[in-house]
Amino acid sequence: MEEHEGPYDYAKDQPPSSPTPPSRLARSGRAARRISSGTARVVAKGGTSAFSGARRFTHSGGAGESGFARLLELHAFNTAGDAAVAISLAGTLFFTVPTGEATGQVALFLVLTMLPFAIVAPLIGPFLDRFRRGRRWAIGATLAIRAFCCWVLAGAVVDESPAFYFAALGCLVASKAYGVTRASAVPRLLPAAFTLVKANSRISLTGTAAAAISAPLAVGAATVGAEWALRYGAVLFAIGTVLAILLPAKVDSSEGEDPVDLTPRVGAVRKGLSITRPVVNALRSNSGLRLLSGFLTIFMAFTLREPPASMGWDGNPTILLGLVVGGAGVGNTIGTLIGSAASSRRPEKVVIGVLVLDVAVLATVGVFFTWWTAVILGLTVGICQSLGKLSLDALIQRDVPERVRTSMFARSETLLQLGWVLGGLLGIGLFSLDATPRIGLLVIGAILIGWLALVLTRAMRPDPAAPSTSAPQGDEPTRRFSS
């Protein structure tokens, strides 16, 4: 036997050790990393594709070259912020307090909202006529004010401060002021291949998509606390403020604009240019549509907190409210798509036809009121309101010279907002009187039937101002209701 000198190295003669099998925890960790990495790649790819698709949509048809795409991107952040504020306020005003207290809070809120418009309505058009330079800053100011008010609202919700109502009022007024100032900028950025109807349809579709994306994020933030949804909205408005300032400089152009008078032309006009009877009839029809929209928004929001047994709904009331609101949102999108693709040359008939359809469906649902007819009513109201607004835009484009459209948009938006607020106040009043859903719908239906009779009576009168005489020579040819 061979002897070894020195210490013997036993490790040298040992067979090579087999690798230690990985533990179950280690295998799970590697699998989780692979799954998370794959998920991240899928999400990143999907996000990139969504961004590319959205950019192609906003920049198509010459919108990128004209600067209209920037306005679309700005409007997306505006609508996303509005969705966050609406979700937060709905949770604060409707669902966190007893019904009796909620009706009082919403009524106070609507009254405070209506009063500024009642005072500002005769002034906002002339103000914009004089404030023709600096439209970018005016649009940006409406967004910056809402960013500030949202931040104040977030603190007021936590502290239950009276500043809640004033900040909420500031948000709503600034939101409507944004609609007016943005409408005044659209003709300045209109691509050569676009009509005003198509441009407004694209703006509406962009806003709808942005709200659909933002709403779930706002709901998620609101589950942590209503103040977080408001802070999320403040960030969106702050980004929108920057985008507004970066709009093309031609938005501030005021070349060739004159004031407009919101009365049909009869004989000589004392001041400014007046508008044709079809435009006035379209304003009246849209006022009825907005009255119904405001009524249903408030009345249904309270009614569906505790759905009556006659509706045949045994599930969660929040789900039912979501179905009705979702139906209105889908209807709005359908109406926008129809208006964008339509080739009708008679928008004055479309705008009255949608009012007739609204009244007919409303009366039917009032008699046969169930949860599914309520969803159909929401869908119909959404379609009719969207088509009615697009028809009004088409008539303004056709009958009102470009140099006076700013005032026309300013005053029409204010008038339609007042109609919505009055409808909301009517909804609160009927609910406070313990009116059943069927009675409430029949009451608003009777009011709209009377309003429809007035509109039809006025529409059948001869127009004292033909479209051919509403624009002085030298104006560009009028475009029709087509995409």
Foldseek 3Di string as FASTA:
>chain_A
DDDDPDDDDPVVPDPDDDDDDDDPVVVVVVVVVVVVVVVVVVVVVVVVVVVVVLQCLLPPPPLVVLLVSLLLVLLLLLLLLVLLVVVLVCCVLQPPDDLVRSLVVVLVLLVLLLVVLVVCLVPQLVVCLVQLAPLLQLLLVLLLLLLVLLLVCLVCSVVVDPCNSVSVSSNVVSSLSNQLSSQLLDVLRPRPPDDLLLSVLSSVVSSLVSSVVSNVVSVVLCVVNSSRSSNVSSVSSNVSSVSSNVGDNSSSDQPQAFAEDDDADDPDDDGIFYFWLLLNLLLLLLLLLLLQVLQCVQLVSSCLCPPDVLQVDDDHSVVLVVLQQVLLSVLLNVLSVCLAADDDQCLSVLSLVLLVVLLVLLLVCLVVPHSVSSSVNSSSSNNNSNSSVSSSSQRCQFQPFPSHVSSVSSSSSSSSVSSSSNSNSLSSVCVVVVHHPSRSSVVSSVVSVVSSVVSVVSVPDDMPADSVRSDDPPTDHGDGSHD
